[in-house]
Amino acid sequence: EINFFVDGVRQKGIPMRTGKSEEKSNLMVDERVTIGLENEKFLQVL
């Protein structure tokens, strides 16, 4: 199970959803980012 899980995140990265506010309005924009192995935040997100 662990090896299958790690192989999946190694190949595809980890999808992460974030929100940010638009400057000109009070809207929040949903943003999807994929955190890959090259990202310094990888282990924190994992």
PDB file of all heavy atoms in Angstrom:
ATOM      1  N   GLU A   1       0.821  -1.218   0.000  1.00  0.00           N
ATOM      2  CA  GLU A   1       0.000   0.000   0.000  1.00  0.00           C
ATOM      3  C   GLU A   1       0.852   1.264   0.000  1.00  0.00           C
ATOM      4  O   GLU A   1       0.572   2.208  -0.744  1.00  0.00           O
ATOM      5  CB  GLU A   1      -0.909   0.032   1.231  1.00  0.00           C
ATOM      6  CG  GLU A   1      -2.075  -0.918   1.191  1.00  0.00           C
ATOM      7  CD  GLU A   1      -2.896  -0.802   2.449  1.00  0.00           C
ATOM      8  OE1 GLU A   1      -2.578  -1.508   3.420  1.00  0.00           O
ATOM      9  OE2 GLU A   1      -3.841   0.018   2.461  1.00  0.00           O
ATOM     10  N   ILE A   2       1.877   1.275   0.833  1.00  0.00           N
ATOM     11  CA  ILE A   2       2.729   2.465   0.935  1.00  0.00           C
ATOM     12  C   ILE A   2       3.496   2.694  -0.358  1.00  0.00           C
ATOM     13  O   ILE A   2       3.551   3.817  -0.867  1.00  0.00           O
ATOM     14  CB  ILE A   2       3.669   2.360   2.151  1.00  0.00           C
ATOM     15  CG1 ILE A   2       2.857   2.460   3.442  1.00  0.00           C
ATOM     16  CG2 ILE A   2       4.745   3.445   2.109  1.00  0.00           C
ATOM     17  CD1 ILE A   2       3.626   2.175   4.709  1.00  0.00           C
ATOM     18  N   ASN A   3       4.075   1.640  -0.916  1.00  0.00           N
ATOM     19  CA  ASN A   3       4.819   1.787  -2.173  1.00  0.00           C
ATOM     20  C   ASN A   3       3.914   2.212  -3.319  1.00  0.00           C
ATOM     21  O   ASN A   3       4.308   3.041  -4.147  1.00  0.00           O
ATOM     22  CB  ASN A   3       5.563   0.498  -2.514  1.00  0.00           C
ATOM     23  CG  ASN A   3       6.788   0.317  -1.651  1.00  0.00           C
ATOM     24  OD1 ASN A   3       7.485   1.268  -1.327  1.00  0.00           O
ATOM     25  ND2 ASN A   3       7.046  -0.917  -1.259  1.00  0.00           N
ATOM     26  N   PHE A   4       2.701   1.683  -3.384  1.00  0.00           N
ATOM     27  CA  PHE A   4       1.745   2.077  -4.419  1.00  0.00           C
ATOM     28  C   PHE A   4       1.400   3.565  -4.284  1.00  0.00           C
ATOM     29  O   PHE A   4       1.388   4.310  -5.261  1.00  0.00           O
ATOM     30  CB  PHE A   4       0.477   1.222  -4.317  1.00  0.00           C
ATOM     31  CG  PHE A   4      -0.549   1.541  -5.360  1.00  0.00           C
ATOM     32  CD1 PHE A   4      -0.384   1.102  -6.668  1.00  0.00           C
ATOM     33  CD2 PHE A   4      -1.673   2.285  -5.041  1.00  0.00           C
ATOM     34  CE1 PHE A   4      -1.337   1.408  -7.641  1.00  0.00           C
ATOM     35  CE2 PHE A   4      -2.624   2.591  -5.999  1.00  0.00           C
ATOM     36  CZ  PHE A   4      -2.453   2.154  -7.305  1.00  0.00           C
ATOM     37  N   PHE A   5       1.149   4.008  -3.059  1.00  0.00           N
ATOM     38  CA  PHE A   5       0.833   5.416  -2.808  1.00  0.00           C
ATOM     39  C   PHE A   5       1.995   6.323  -3.211  1.00  0.00           C
ATOM     40  O   PHE A   5       1.819   7.315  -3.919  1.00  0.00           O
ATOM     41  CB  PHE A   5       0.486   5.609  -1.327  1.00  0.00           C
ATOM     42  CG  PHE A   5       0.439   7.041  -0.906  1.00  0.00           C
ATOM     43  CD1 PHE A   5      -0.569   7.884  -1.335  1.00  0.00           C
ATOM     44  CD2 PHE A   5       1.425   7.558  -0.079  1.00  0.00           C
ATOM     45  CE1 PHE A   5      -0.601   9.210  -0.952  1.00  0.00           C
ATOM     46  CE2 PHE A   5       1.399   8.879   0.316  1.00  0.00           C
ATOM     47  CZ  PHE A   5       0.378   9.711  -0.126  1.00  0.00           C
ATOM     48  N   VAL A   6       3.214   5.972  -2.785  1.00  0.00           N
ATOM     49  CA  VAL A   6       4.386   6.808  -3.070  1.00  0.00           C
ATOM     50  C   VAL A   6       4.681   6.834  -4.565  1.00  0.00           C
ATOM     51  O   VAL A   6       5.022   7.885  -5.120  1.00  0.00           O
ATOM     52  CB  VAL A   6       5.611   6.340  -2.256  1.00  0.00           C
ATOM     53  CG1 VAL A   6       6.864   7.065  -2.695  1.00  0.00           C
ATOM     54  CG2 VAL A   6       5.361   6.562  -0.775  1.00  0.00           C
ATOM     55  N   ASP A   7       4.542   5.703  -5.245  1.00  0.00           N
ATOM     56  CA  ASP A   7       4.759   5.685  -6.696  1.00  0.00           C
ATOM     57  C   ASP A   7       3.779   6.616  -7.408  1.00  0.00           C
ATOM     58  O   ASP A   7       4.142   7.302  -8.358  1.00  0.00           O
ATOM     59  CB  ASP A   7       4.635   4.271  -7.255  1.00  0.00           C
ATOM     60  CG  ASP A   7       5.830   3.406  -6.915  1.00  0.00           C
ATOM     61  OD1 ASP A   7       6.895   3.954  -6.543  1.00  0.00           O
ATOM     62  OD2 ASP A   7       5.707   2.162  -7.023  1.00  0.00           O
ATOM     63  N   GLY A   8       2.539   6.657  -6.937  1.00  0.00           N
ATOM     64  CA  GLY A   8       1.539   7.548  -7.534  1.00  0.00           C
ATOM     65  C   GLY A   8       1.897   9.008  -7.391  1.00  0.00           C
ATOM     66  O   GLY A   8       1.831   9.773  -8.360  1.00  0.00           O
ATOM     67  N   VAL A   9       2.315   9.420  -6.184  1.00  0.00           N
ATOM     68  CA  VAL A   9       2.665  10.835  -6.003  1.00  0.00           C
ATOM     69  C   VAL A   9       3.997  11.166  -6.670  1.00  0.00           C
ATOM     70  O   VAL A   9       4.215  12.302  -7.085  1.00  0.00           O
ATOM     71  CB  VAL A   9       2.681  11.270  -4.519  1.00  0.00           C
ATOM     72  CG1 VAL A   9       1.311  11.130  -3.918  1.00  0.00           C
ATOM     73  CG2 VAL A   9       3.700  10.529  -3.712  1.00  0.00           C
ATOM     74  N   ARG A  10       4.864  10.186  -6.794  1.00  0.00           N
ATOM     75  CA  ARG A  10       6.139  10.410  -7.487  1.00  0.00           C
ATOM     76  C   ARG A  10       5.893  10.694  -8.964  1.00  0.00           C
ATOM     77  O   ARG A  10       6.503  11.580  -9.546  1.00  0.00           O
ATOM     78  CB  ARG A  10       7.032   9.176  -7.334  1.00  0.00           C
ATOM     79  CG  ARG A  10       8.380   9.322  -8.003  1.00  0.00           C
ATOM     80  CD  ARG A  10       9.195   8.058  -7.862  1.00  0.00           C
ATOM     81  NE  ARG A  10       9.721   7.973  -6.505  1.00  0.00           N
ATOM     82  CZ  ARG A  10       9.936   6.837  -5.862  1.00  0.00           C
ATOM     83  NH1 ARG A  10       9.654   5.682  -6.420  1.00  0.00           N
ATOM     84  NH2 ARG A  10      10.433   6.851  -4.642  1.00  0.00           N
ATOM     85  N   GLN A  11       4.974   9.968  -9.573  1.00  0.00           N
ATOM     86  CA  GLN A  11       4.711  10.125 -11.005  1.00  0.00           C
ATOM     87  C   GLN A  11       3.805  11.314 -11.326  1.00  0.00           C
ATOM     88  O   GLN A  11       4.048  12.045 -12.279  1.00  0.00           O
ATOM     89  CB  GLN A  11       4.064   8.857 -11.563  1.00  0.00           C
ATOM     90  CG  GLN A  11       4.990   7.673 -11.566  1.00  0.00           C
ATOM     91  CD  GLN A  11       4.267   6.396 -11.964  1.00  0.00           C
ATOM     92  OE1 GLN A  11       3.112   6.416 -12.353  1.00  0.00           O
ATOM     93  NE2 GLN A  11       4.961   5.271 -11.848  1.00  0.00           N
ATOM     94  N   LYS A  12       2.745  11.493 -10.528  1.00  0.00           N
ATOM     95  CA  LYS A  12       1.735  12.496 -10.852  1.00  0.00           C
ATOM     96  C   LYS A  12       1.846  13.786 -10.059  1.00  0.00           C
ATOM     97  O   LYS A  12       1.216  14.778 -10.408  1.00  0.00           O
ATOM     98  CB  LYS A  12       0.339  11.917 -10.607  1.00  0.00           C
ATOM     99  CG  LYS A  12       0.026  10.702 -11.438  1.00  0.00           C
ATOM    100  CD  LYS A  12      -1.305  10.133 -11.042  1.00  0.00           C
ATOM    101  CE  LYS A  12      -1.534   8.790 -11.716  1.00  0.00           C
ATOM    102  NZ  LYS A  12      -2.721   8.125 -11.187  1.00  0.00           N
ATOM    103  N   GLY A  13       2.593  13.777  -8.957  1.00  0.00           N
ATOM    104  CA  GLY A  13       2.612  14.928  -8.076  1.00  0.00           C
ATOM    105  C   GLY A  13       1.411  14.888  -7.149  1.00  0.00           C
ATOM    106  O   GLY A  13       0.628  13.947  -7.160  1.00  0.00           O
ATOM    107  N   ILE A  14       1.272  15.925  -6.346  1.00  0.00           N
ATOM    108  CA  ILE A  14       0.171  15.998  -5.391  1.00  0.00           C
ATOM    109  C   ILE A  14      -0.695  17.194  -5.757  1.00  0.00           C
ATOM    110  O   ILE A  14      -0.231  18.332  -5.715  1.00  0.00           O
ATOM    111  CB  ILE A  14       0.712  16.168  -3.959  1.00  0.00           C
ATOM    112  CG1 ILE A  14       1.658  15.023  -3.606  1.00  0.00           C
ATOM    113  CG2 ILE A  14      -0.438  16.244  -2.961  1.00  0.00           C
ATOM    114  CD1 ILE A  14       2.429  15.241  -2.330  1.00  0.00           C
ATOM    115  N   PRO A  15      -1.958  16.949  -6.120  1.00  0.00           N
ATOM    116  CA  PRO A  15      -2.836  18.077  -6.423  1.00  0.00           C
ATOM    117  C   PRO A  15      -3.189  18.828  -5.147  1.00  0.00           C
ATOM    118  O   PRO A  15      -3.472  18.231  -4.113  1.00  0.00           O
ATOM    119  CB  PRO A  15      -4.070  17.425  -7.038  1.00  0.00           C
ATOM    120  CG  PRO A  15      -4.032  16.011  -6.612  1.00  0.00           C
ATOM    121  CD  PRO A  15      -2.615  15.669  -6.297  1.00  0.00           C
ATOM    122  N   MET A  16      -3.126  20.145  -5.234  1.00  0.00           N
ATOM    123  CA  MET A  16      -3.428  20.979  -4.078  1.00  0.00           C
ATOM    124  C   MET A  16      -4.310  22.132  -4.531  1.00  0.00           C
ATOM    125  O   MET A  16      -4.039  22.752  -5.556  1.00  0.00           O
ATOM    126  CB  MET A  16      -2.130  21.514  -3.466  1.00  0.00           C
ATOM    127  CG  MET A  16      -2.333  22.262  -2.181  1.00  0.00           C
ATOM    128  SD  MET A  16      -0.764  22.674  -1.396  1.00  0.00           S
ATOM    129  CE  MET A  16      -0.415  24.234  -2.173  1.00  0.00           C
ATOM    130  N   ARG A  17      -5.358  22.375  -3.781  1.00  0.00           N
ATOM    131  CA  ARG A  17      -6.254  23.477  -4.107  1.00  0.00           C
ATOM    132  C   ARG A  17      -5.965  24.636  -3.173  1.00  0.00           C
ATOM    133  O   ARG A  17      -5.819  24.462  -1.970  1.00  0.00           O
ATOM    134  CB  ARG A  17      -7.699  23.037  -3.966  1.00  0.00           C
ATOM    135  CG  ARG A  17      -8.049  21.955  -4.968  1.00  0.00           C
ATOM    136  CD  ARG A  17      -9.438  21.520  -4.783  1.00  0.00           C
ATOM    137  NE  ARG A  17     -10.301  22.475  -5.476  1.00  0.00           N
ATOM    138  CZ  ARG A  17     -11.587  22.279  -5.673  1.00  0.00           C
ATOM    139  NH1 ARG A  17     -12.166  21.212  -5.226  1.00  0.00           N
ATOM    140  NH2 ARG A  17     -12.296  23.178  -6.312  1.00  0.00           N
ATOM    141  N   THR A  18      -5.865  25.801  -3.751  1.00  0.00           N
ATOM    142  CA  THR A  18      -5.643  27.007  -2.963  1.00  0.00           C
ATOM    143  C   THR A  18      -6.649  28.060  -3.394  1.00  0.00           C
ATOM    144  O   THR A  18      -7.265  27.954  -4.450  1.00  0.00           O
ATOM    145  CB  THR A  18      -4.220  27.567  -3.166  1.00  0.00           C
ATOM    146  OG1 THR A  18      -4.041  27.897  -4.547  1.00  0.00           O
ATOM    147  CG2 THR A  18      -3.168  26.572  -2.738  1.00  0.00           C
ATOM    148  N   GLY A  19      -6.793  29.062  -2.599  1.00  0.00           N
ATOM    149  CA  GLY A  19      -7.684  30.162  -2.944  1.00  0.00           C
ATOM    150  C   GLY A  19      -6.928  31.473  -2.850  1.00  0.00           C
ATOM    151  O   GLY A  19      -6.018  31.626  -2.051  1.00  0.00           O
ATOM    152  N   LYS A  20      -7.281  32.366  -3.705  1.00  0.00           N
ATOM    153  CA  LYS A  20      -6.688  33.703  -3.629  1.00  0.00           C
ATOM    154  C   LYS A  20      -7.781  34.712  -3.947  1.00  0.00           C
ATOM    155  O   LYS A  20      -8.728  34.417  -4.671  1.00  0.00           O
ATOM    156  CB  LYS A  20      -5.508  33.842  -4.587  1.00  0.00           C
ATOM    157  CG  LYS A  20      -5.841  33.681  -6.049  1.00  0.00           C
ATOM    158  CD  LYS A  20      -4.611  33.854  -6.908  1.00  0.00           C
ATOM    159  CE  LYS A  20      -4.990  33.702  -8.372  1.00  0.00           C
ATOM    160  NZ  LYS A  20      -3.871  33.870  -9.255  1.00  0.00           N
ATOM    161  N   SER A  21      -7.654  35.886  -3.395  1.00  0.00           N
ATOM    162  CA  SER A  21      -8.686  36.900  -3.621  1.00  0.00           C
ATOM    163  C   SER A  21      -8.303  37.765  -4.807  1.00  0.00           C
ATOM    164  O   SER A  21      -7.134  38.053  -5.046  1.00  0.00           O
ATOM    165  CB  SER A  21      -8.882  37.749  -2.367  1.00  0.00           C
ATOM    166  OG  SER A  21      -7.689  38.426  -2.056  1.00  0.00           O
ATOM    167  N   GLU A  22      -9.301  38.154  -5.534  1.00  0.00           N
ATOM    168  CA  GLU A  22      -9.115  39.068  -6.656  1.00  0.00           C
ATOM    169  C   GLU A  22      -8.950  40.479  -6.108  1.00  0.00           C
ATOM    170  O   GLU A  22      -9.642  40.879  -5.167  1.00  0.00           O
ATOM    171  CB  GLU A  22     -10.322  39.014  -7.597  1.00  0.00           C
ATOM    172  CG  GLU A  22     -10.378  37.765  -8.443  1.00  0.00           C
ATOM    173  CD  GLU A  22      -9.279  37.729  -9.472  1.00  0.00           C
ATOM    174  OE1 GLU A  22      -8.980  38.762 -10.101  1.00  0.00           O
ATOM    175  OE2 GLU A  22      -8.714  36.646  -9.661  1.00  0.00           O
ATOM    176  N   GLU A  23      -8.038  41.227  -6.683  1.00  0.00           N
ATOM    177  CA  GLU A  23      -7.756  42.573  -6.185  1.00  0.00           C
ATOM    178  C   GLU A  23      -8.922  43.542  -6.359  1.00  0.00           C
ATOM    179  O   GLU A  23      -9.178  44.369  -5.497  1.00  0.00           O
ATOM    180  CB  GLU A  23      -6.518  43.133  -6.884  1.00  0.00           C
ATOM    181  CG  GLU A  23      -5.252  42.415  -6.488  1.00  0.00           C
ATOM    182  CD  GLU A  23      -4.037  42.989  -7.195  1.00  0.00           C
ATOM    183  OE1 GLU A  23      -4.070  44.167  -7.580  1.00  0.00           O
ATOM    184  OE2 GLU A  23      -3.066  42.239  -7.342  1.00  0.00           O
ATOM    185  N   LYS A  24      -9.618  43.443  -7.473  1.00  0.00           N
ATOM    186  CA  LYS A  24     -10.638  44.450  -7.778  1.00  0.00           C
ATOM    187  C   LYS A  24     -12.023  44.087  -7.262  1.00  0.00           C
ATOM    188  O   LYS A  24     -12.938  44.872  -7.376  1.00  0.00           O
ATOM    189  CB  LYS A  24     -10.700  44.667  -9.293  1.00  0.00           C
ATOM    190  CG  LYS A  24      -9.409  45.231  -9.838  1.00  0.00           C
ATOM    191  CD  LYS A  24      -9.485  45.441 -11.316  1.00  0.00           C
ATOM    192  CE  LYS A  24      -8.142  45.966 -11.822  1.00  0.00           C
ATOM    193  NZ  LYS A  24      -8.132  46.162 -13.245  1.00  0.00           N
ATOM    194  N   SER A  25     -12.182  42.896  -6.708  1.00  0.00           N
ATOM    195  CA  SER A  25     -13.497  42.506  -6.208  1.00  0.00           C
ATOM    196  C   SER A  25     -13.322  41.686  -4.929  1.00  0.00           C
ATOM    197  O   SER A  25     -12.217  41.399  -4.505  1.00  0.00           O
ATOM    198  CB  SER A  25     -14.242  41.683  -7.264  1.00  0.00           C
ATOM    199  OG  SER A  25     -13.578  40.455  -7.465  1.00  0.00           O
ATOM    200  N   ASN A  26     -14.417  41.326  -4.340  1.00  0.00           N
ATOM    201  CA  ASN A  26     -14.384  40.541  -3.108  1.00  0.00           C
ATOM    202  C   ASN A  26     -14.529  39.049  -3.380  1.00  0.00           C
ATOM    203  O   ASN A  26     -14.977  38.307  -2.513  1.00  0.00           O
ATOM    204  CB  ASN A  26     -15.489  41.001  -2.159  1.00  0.00           C
ATOM    205  CG  ASN A  26     -15.223  42.392  -1.627  1.00  0.00           C
ATOM    206  OD1 ASN A  26     -14.066  42.789  -1.507  1.00  0.00           O
ATOM    207  ND2 ASN A  26     -16.269  43.124  -1.317  1.00  0.00           N
ATOM    208  N   LEU A  27     -14.159  38.609  -4.555  1.00  0.00           N
ATOM    209  CA  LEU A  27     -14.292  37.196  -4.925  1.00  0.00           C
ATOM    210  C   LEU A  27     -13.050  36.404  -4.570  1.00  0.00           C
ATOM    211  O   LEU A  27     -11.934  36.908  -4.624  1.00  0.00           O
ATOM    212  CB  LEU A  27     -14.527  37.060  -6.431  1.00  0.00           C
ATOM    213  CG  LEU A  27     -15.799  37.671  -6.990  1.00  0.00           C
ATOM    214  CD1 LEU A  27     -15.812  37.537  -8.503  1.00  0.00           C
ATOM    215  CD2 LEU A  27     -17.009  36.991  -6.388  1.00  0.00           C
ATOM    216  N   MET A  28     -13.262  35.170  -4.184  1.00  0.00           N
ATOM    217  CA  MET A  28     -12.152  34.237  -3.986  1.00  0.00           C
ATOM    218  C   MET A  28     -12.083  33.340  -5.213  1.00  0.00           C
ATOM    219  O   MET A  28     -13.108  32.828  -5.676  1.00  0.00           O
ATOM    220  CB  MET A  28     -12.379  33.362  -2.750  1.00  0.00           C
ATOM    221  CG  MET A  28     -12.222  34.086  -1.436  1.00  0.00           C
ATOM    222  SD  MET A  28     -10.544  34.604  -1.116  1.00  0.00           S
ATOM    223  CE  MET A  28      -9.767  33.069  -0.736  1.00  0.00           C
ATOM    224  N   VAL A  29     -10.896  33.147  -5.721  1.00  0.00           N
ATOM    225  CA  VAL A  29     -10.691  32.321  -6.902  1.00  0.00           C
ATOM    226  C   VAL A  29     -10.044  31.017  -6.461  1.00  0.00           C
ATOM    227  O   VAL A  29      -9.023  31.017  -5.775  1.00  0.00           O
ATOM    228  CB  VAL A  29      -9.796  33.057  -7.932  1.00  0.00           C
ATOM    229  CG1 VAL A  29      -9.520  32.166  -9.125  1.00  0.00           C
ATOM    230  CG2 VAL A  29     -10.433  34.363  -8.356  1.00  0.00           C
ATOM    231  N   ASP A  30     -10.664  29.915  -6.840  1.00  0.00           N
ATOM    232  CA  ASP A  30     -10.146  28.592  -6.521  1.00  0.00           C
ATOM    233  C   ASP A  30      -9.075  28.236  -7.550  1.00  0.00           C
ATOM    234  O   ASP A  30      -9.295  28.363  -8.752  1.00  0.00           O
ATOM    235  CB  ASP A  30     -11.291  27.578  -6.572  1.00  0.00           C
ATOM    236  CG  ASP A  30     -10.904  26.232  -6.011  1.00  0.00           C
ATOM    237  OD1 ASP A  30     -10.046  26.178  -5.117  1.00  0.00           O
ATOM    238  OD2 ASP A  30     -11.477  25.225  -6.472  1.00  0.00           O
ATOM    239  N   GLU A  31      -7.927  27.825  -7.064  1.00  0.00           N
ATOM    240  CA  GLU A  31      -6.811  27.524  -7.958  1.00  0.00           C
ATOM    241  C   GLU A  31      -6.284  26.134  -7.636  1.00  0.00           C
ATOM    242  O   GLU A  31      -6.114  25.781  -6.475  1.00  0.00           O
ATOM    243  CB  GLU A  31      -5.714  28.571  -7.742  1.00  0.00           C
ATOM    244  CG  GLU A  31      -4.539  28.441  -8.666  1.00  0.00           C
ATOM    245  CD  GLU A  31      -3.539  29.558  -8.432  1.00  0.00           C
ATOM    246  OE1 GLU A  31      -3.250  29.869  -7.268  1.00  0.00           O
ATOM    247  OE2 GLU A  31      -3.047  30.102  -9.431  1.00  0.00           O
ATOM    248  N   ARG A  32      -6.028  25.339  -8.661  1.00  0.00           N
ATOM    249  CA  ARG A  32      -5.493  24.001  -8.474  1.00  0.00           C
ATOM    250  C   ARG A  32      -4.040  23.990  -8.938  1.00  0.00           C
ATOM    251  O   ARG A  32      -3.734  24.387 -10.049  1.00  0.00           O
ATOM    252  CB  ARG A  32      -6.285  22.981  -9.277  1.00  0.00           C
ATOM    253  CG  ARG A  32      -5.800  21.571  -9.046  1.00  0.00           C
ATOM    254  CD  ARG A  32      -6.725  20.571  -9.726  1.00  0.00           C
ATOM    255  NE  ARG A  32      -6.310  19.227  -9.388  1.00  0.00           N
ATOM    256  CZ  ARG A  32      -5.796  18.376 -10.244  1.00  0.00           C
ATOM    257  NH1 ARG A  32      -5.667  18.705 -11.513  1.00  0.00           N
ATOM    258  NH2 ARG A  32      -5.429  17.166  -9.864  1.00  0.00           N
ATOM    259  N   VAL A  33      -3.165  23.529  -8.038  1.00  0.00           N
ATOM    260  CA  VAL A  33      -1.740  23.481  -8.321  1.00  0.00           C
ATOM    261  C   VAL A  33      -1.272  22.053  -8.062  1.00  0.00           C
ATOM    262  O   VAL A  33      -1.737  21.401  -7.129  1.00  0.00           O
ATOM    263  CB  VAL A  33      -0.972  24.451  -7.388  1.00  0.00           C
ATOM    264  CG1 VAL A  33       0.508  24.405  -7.646  1.00  0.00           C
ATOM    265  CG2 VAL A  33      -1.504  25.858  -7.513  1.00  0.00           C
ATOM    266  N   THR A  34      -0.342  21.565  -8.877  1.00  0.00           N
ATOM    267  CA  THR A  34       0.235  20.247  -8.641  1.00  0.00           C
ATOM    268  C   THR A  34       1.636  20.434  -8.084  1.00  0.00           C
ATOM    269  O   THR A  34       2.482  21.070  -8.698  1.00  0.00           O
ATOM    270  CB  THR A  34       0.286  19.419  -9.946  1.00  0.00           C
ATOM    271  OG1 THR A  34      -1.049  19.280 -10.443  1.00  0.00           O
ATOM    272  CG2 THR A  34       0.873  18.050  -9.698  1.00  0.00           C
ATOM    273  N   ILE A  35       1.857  19.869  -6.900  1.00  0.00           N
ATOM    274  CA  ILE A  35       3.161  19.942  -6.244  1.00  0.00           C
ATOM    275  C   ILE A  35       3.950  18.704  -6.627  1.00  0.00           C
ATOM    276  O   ILE A  35       3.549  17.586  -6.318  1.00  0.00           O
ATOM    277  CB  ILE A  35       3.001  20.014  -4.699  1.00  0.00           C
ATOM    278  CG1 ILE A  35       2.093  21.169  -4.287  1.00  0.00           C
ATOM    279  CG2 ILE A  35       4.352  20.079  -4.023  1.00  0.00           C
ATOM    280  CD1 ILE A  35       2.628  22.532  -4.593  1.00  0.00           C
ATOM    281  N   GLY A  36       5.046  18.921  -7.323  1.00  0.00           N
ATOM    282  CA  GLY A  36       5.897  17.813  -7.779  1.00  0.00           C
ATOM    283  C   GLY A  36       7.116  17.641  -6.890  1.00  0.00           C
ATOM    284  O   GLY A  36       7.354  18.402  -5.952  1.00  0.00           O
ATOM    285  N   LEU A  37       7.902  16.631  -7.205  1.00  0.00           N
ATOM    286  CA  LEU A  37       9.110  16.324  -6.432  1.00  0.00           C
ATOM    287  C   LEU A  37      10.093  17.474  -6.367  1.00  0.00           C
ATOM    288  O   LEU A  37      10.858  17.594  -5.413  1.00  0.00           O
ATOM    289  CB  LEU A  37       9.824  15.115  -7.035  1.00  0.00           C
ATOM    290  CG  LEU A  37       9.245  13.747  -6.729  1.00  0.00           C
ATOM    291  CD1 LEU A  37      10.029  12.684  -7.478  1.00  0.00           C
ATOM    292  CD2 LEU A  37       9.263  13.466  -5.266  1.00  0.00           C
ATOM    293  N   GLU A  38      10.099  18.314  -7.373  1.00  0.00           N
ATOM    294  CA  GLU A  38      11.070  19.410  -7.431  1.00  0.00           C
ATOM    295  C   GLU A  38      10.720  20.559  -6.488  1.00  0.00           C
ATOM    296  O   GLU A  38      11.540  21.423  -6.228  1.00  0.00           O
ATOM    297  CB  GLU A  38      11.188  19.936  -8.868  1.00  0.00           C
ATOM    298  CG  GLU A  38       9.990  20.717  -9.366  1.00  0.00           C
ATOM    299  CD  GLU A  38       8.769  19.872  -9.723  1.00  0.00           C
ATOM    300  OE1 GLU A  38       8.877  18.641  -9.843  1.00  0.00           O
ATOM    301  OE2 GLU A  38       7.691  20.470  -9.884  1.00  0.00           O
ATOM    302  N   ASN A  39       9.513  20.559  -5.943  1.00  0.00           N
ATOM    303  CA  ASN A  39       9.045  21.650  -5.094  1.00  0.00           C
ATOM    304  C   ASN A  39       9.515  21.453  -3.653  1.00  0.00           C
ATOM    305  O   ASN A  39       9.396  20.372  -3.083  1.00  0.00           O
ATOM    306  CB  ASN A  39       7.523  21.716  -5.142  1.00  0.00           C
ATOM    307  CG  ASN A  39       6.973  23.000  -4.577  1.00  0.00           C
ATOM    308  OD1 ASN A  39       7.407  23.472  -3.535  1.00  0.00           O
ATOM    309  ND2 ASN A  39       6.010  23.556  -5.282  1.00  0.00           N
ATOM    310  N   GLU A  40      10.010  22.513  -3.060  1.00  0.00           N
ATOM    311  CA  GLU A  40      10.501  22.489  -1.676  1.00  0.00           C
ATOM    312  C   GLU A  40       9.405  22.117  -0.677  1.00  0.00           C
ATOM    313  O   GLU A  40       9.675  21.568   0.381  1.00  0.00           O
ATOM    314  CB  GLU A  40      11.068  23.875  -1.332  1.00  0.00           C
ATOM    315  CG  GLU A  40      11.763  23.960  -0.028  1.00  0.00           C
ATOM    316  CD  GLU A  40      13.210  23.491  -0.072  1.00  0.00           C
ATOM    317  OE1 GLU A  40      13.794  23.411  -1.159  1.00  0.00           O
ATOM    318  OE2 GLU A  40      13.738  23.203   1.006  1.00  0.00           O
ATOM    319  N   LYS A  41       8.150  22.387  -1.020  1.00  0.00           N
ATOM    320  CA  LYS A  41       7.019  22.111  -0.137  1.00  0.00           C
ATOM    321  C   LYS A  41       6.521  20.670  -0.244  1.00  0.00           C
ATOM    322  O   LYS A  41       5.550  20.310   0.413  1.00  0.00           O
ATOM    323  CB  LYS A  41       5.853  23.036  -0.483  1.00  0.00           C
ATOM    324  CG  LYS A  41       6.123  24.493  -0.294  1.00  0.00           C
ATOM    325  CD  LYS A  41       4.892  25.277  -0.721  1.00  0.00           C
ATOM    326  CE  LYS A  41       5.145  26.762  -0.705  1.00  0.00           C
ATOM    327  NZ  LYS A  41       3.972  27.499  -1.182  1.00  0.00           N
ATOM    328  N   PHE A  42       7.164  19.847  -1.069  1.00  0.00           N
ATOM    329  CA  PHE A  42       6.656  18.506  -1.366  1.00  0.00           C
ATOM    330  C   PHE A  42       6.373  17.693  -0.104  1.00  0.00           C
ATOM    331  O   PHE A  42       5.285  17.133   0.052  1.00  0.00           O
ATOM    332  CB  PHE A  42       7.622  17.750  -2.284  1.00  0.00           C
ATOM    333  CG  PHE A  42       7.138  16.390  -2.655  1.00  0.00           C
ATOM    334  CD1 PHE A  42       6.178  16.234  -3.642  1.00  0.00           C
ATOM    335  CD2 PHE A  42       7.620  15.261  -2.021  1.00  0.00           C
ATOM    336  CE1 PHE A  42       5.709  14.973  -3.985  1.00  0.00           C
ATOM    337  CE2 PHE A  42       7.165  14.000  -2.358  1.00  0.00           C
ATOM    338  CZ  PHE A  42       6.211  13.860  -3.342  1.00  0.00           C
ATOM    339  N   LEU A  43       7.324  17.583   0.810  1.00  0.00           N
ATOM    340  CA  LEU A  43       7.126  16.746   1.997  1.00  0.00           C
ATOM    341  C   LEU A  43       6.052  17.309   2.921  1.00  0.00           C
ATOM    342  O   LEU A  43       5.309  16.548   3.533  1.00  0.00           O
ATOM    343  CB  LEU A  43       8.427  16.561   2.776  1.00  0.00           C
ATOM    344  CG  LEU A  43       9.308  15.405   2.344  1.00  0.00           C
ATOM    345  CD1 LEU A  43      10.442  15.202   3.337  1.00  0.00           C
ATOM    346  CD2 LEU A  43       8.571  14.120   2.132  1.00  0.00           C
ATOM    347  N   GLN A  44       5.946  18.620   3.020  1.00  0.00           N
ATOM    348  CA  GLN A  44       4.907  19.210   3.861  1.00  0.00           C
ATOM    349  C   GLN A  44       3.525  18.870   3.318  1.00  0.00           C
ATOM    350  O   GLN A  44       2.627  18.490   4.069  1.00  0.00           O
ATOM    351  CB  GLN A  44       5.083  20.728   3.944  1.00  0.00           C
ATOM    352  CG  GLN A  44       4.043  21.414   4.804  1.00  0.00           C
ATOM    353  CD  GLN A  44       4.092  20.975   6.246  1.00  0.00           C
ATOM    354  OE1 GLN A  44       5.153  20.914   6.840  1.00  0.00           O
ATOM    355  NE2 GLN A  44       2.952  20.662   6.815  1.00  0.00           N
ATOM    356  N   VAL A  45       3.360  18.998   2.019  1.00  0.00           N
ATOM    357  CA  VAL A  45       2.073  18.676   1.389  1.00  0.00           C
ATOM    358  C   VAL A  45       1.807  17.175   1.497  1.00  0.00           C
ATOM    359  O   VAL A  45       0.688  16.753   1.784  1.00  0.00           O
ATOM    360  CB  VAL A  45       2.051  19.150  -0.080  1.00  0.00           C
ATOM    361  CG1 VAL A  45       0.787  18.713  -0.781  1.00  0.00           C
ATOM    362  CG2 VAL A  45       2.192  20.666  -0.137  1.00  0.00           C
ATOM    363  N   LEU A  46       2.842  16.357   1.310  1.00  0.00           N
ATOM    364  CA  LEU A  46       2.699  14.905   1.434  1.00  0.00           C
ATOM    365  C   LEU A  46       2.275  14.532   2.857  1.00  0.00           C
ATOM    366  O   LEU A  46       1.433  13.658   3.049  1.00  0.00           O
ATOM    367  CB  LEU A  46       4.005  14.211   1.058  1.00  0.00           C
ATOM    368  CG  LEU A  46       3.979  12.686   1.030  1.00  0.00           C
ATOM    369  CD1 LEU A  46       2.972  12.172   0.015  1.00  0.00           C
ATOM    370  CD2 LEU A  46       5.364  12.146   0.724  1.00  0.00           C
TER     371      LEU A  46
END
